[in-house]
Protein backbone atom coordinates (compact mmCIF):
# COMPACT_ATOMS: atom_id res chain seq x y z
CA MET A 1 11.10 -6.49 21.73
CA PHE A 2 12.13 -8.99 18.62
CA ARG A 3 9.41 -11.57 17.46
CA GLU A 4 9.13 -13.77 14.42
CA ARG A 5 5.85 -13.60 14.18
CA TYR A 6 2.71 -11.47 15.05
CA PRO A 7 2.30 -11.70 19.13
CA ARG A 8 -1.42 -11.58 18.81
CA GLU A 9 -1.92 -12.76 22.26
CA LEU A 10 0.94 -10.08 23.84
CA PHE A 11 -1.51 -7.47 21.78
CA GLN A 12 -4.23 -8.43 23.50
CA ASP A 13 -3.21 -8.08 26.90
CA ILE A 14 -1.70 -4.78 26.14
CA ARG A 15 -4.85 -3.66 24.98
CA THR A 16 -6.50 -5.44 28.17
CA LEU A 17 -4.65 -3.49 30.34
CA GLY A 18 -5.88 -0.09 28.71
CA MET A 19 -2.88 0.41 26.60
CA VAL A 20 -2.53 1.06 22.68
CA VAL A 21 -0.67 -0.98 20.06
CA GLU A 22 -0.17 1.59 16.96
CA LEU A 23 1.41 0.56 13.82
CA TYR A 24 4.30 2.27 12.74
CA GLN A 25 5.66 0.99 9.93
CA ASP A 26 5.74 -2.83 8.42
CA GLY A 27 6.60 -4.74 11.13
CA ILE A 28 7.58 -1.96 13.75
CA TYR A 29 4.50 -1.44 16.51
CA TYR A 30 4.82 1.20 19.55
CA ILE A 31 3.02 0.61 22.54
CA LYS A 32 1.65 3.62 24.04
CA GLY A 33 -0.55 4.67 27.20
CA LYS A 34 0.27 3.42 30.77
CA ILE A 35 3.64 2.39 29.99
CA PRO A 36 7.02 4.28 31.66
CA PHE A 37 9.09 4.17 29.05
CA GLN A 38 8.77 3.90 25.18
CA THR A 39 8.66 0.03 23.83
CA GLN A 40 8.32 -0.99 20.42
CA ILE A 41 7.81 -4.43 19.20
CA ILE A 42 9.18 -5.82 15.56
CA VAL A 43 7.78 -8.30 13.85
CA THR A 44 10.71 -9.46 11.73
CA ASN A 45 8.51 -11.38 9.15
CA GLN A 46 6.58 -8.32 8.32
CA LEU A 47 9.47 -5.67 7.92
CA ASN A 48 10.54 -4.13 4.39
CA GLN A 49 12.68 -6.00 2.93
CA GLN A 50 14.85 -3.07 1.68
CA LYS A 51 14.22 -0.21 4.08
CA HIS A 52 14.90 -2.98 7.52
CA GLU A 53 17.68 -4.86 6.34
CA SER A 54 19.62 -4.48 9.38
CA LEU A 55 16.72 -5.41 11.65
CA ARG A 56 15.68 -8.74 9.61
CA VAL A 57 19.11 -10.18 9.96
CA LEU A 58 18.40 -10.35 13.72
CA SER A 59 15.83 -12.78 12.77
CA GLN A 60 15.78 -16.78 14.13
CA LYS A 61 15.07 -17.65 10.63
CA LEU A 62 17.53 -15.16 8.65
CA ILE A 63 16.64 -15.63 4.74
CA GLU A 64 20.35 -16.11 3.08
CA GLU A 65 19.38 -13.23 0.52
CA ASP A 66 18.87 -10.86 3.34
CA ALA A 67 22.18 -11.99 4.61
CA ARG A 68 24.10 -11.32 1.55
CA ASN A 69 22.48 -8.10 1.16
CA PHE A 70 23.35 -6.90 4.41
CA LEU A 71 26.84 -7.94 4.27
CA LYS A 72 27.57 -6.42 0.76
CA ARG A 73 26.11 -3.07 2.01
CA TRP A 74 28.34 -3.10 5.27
CA ARG A 75 31.39 -4.72 3.86
CA PHE A 76 31.95 -7.17 5.75
């Protein structure tokens, strides 16, 4: 799941259901516990600009610099 901002209420609900929200890297959260499949929640405004440029371009609020860097890197 991709989110622009930190989903505070969603994470509270997940914890209330007995699951764990684990920060994996900046902006990447794993949901663990009573869930039948691996789940990640990506918070695009928290992602590292250099490490996760391909994920940052999926944001609804795409920054021009991120788009240019992505296009340069992948030569579109």
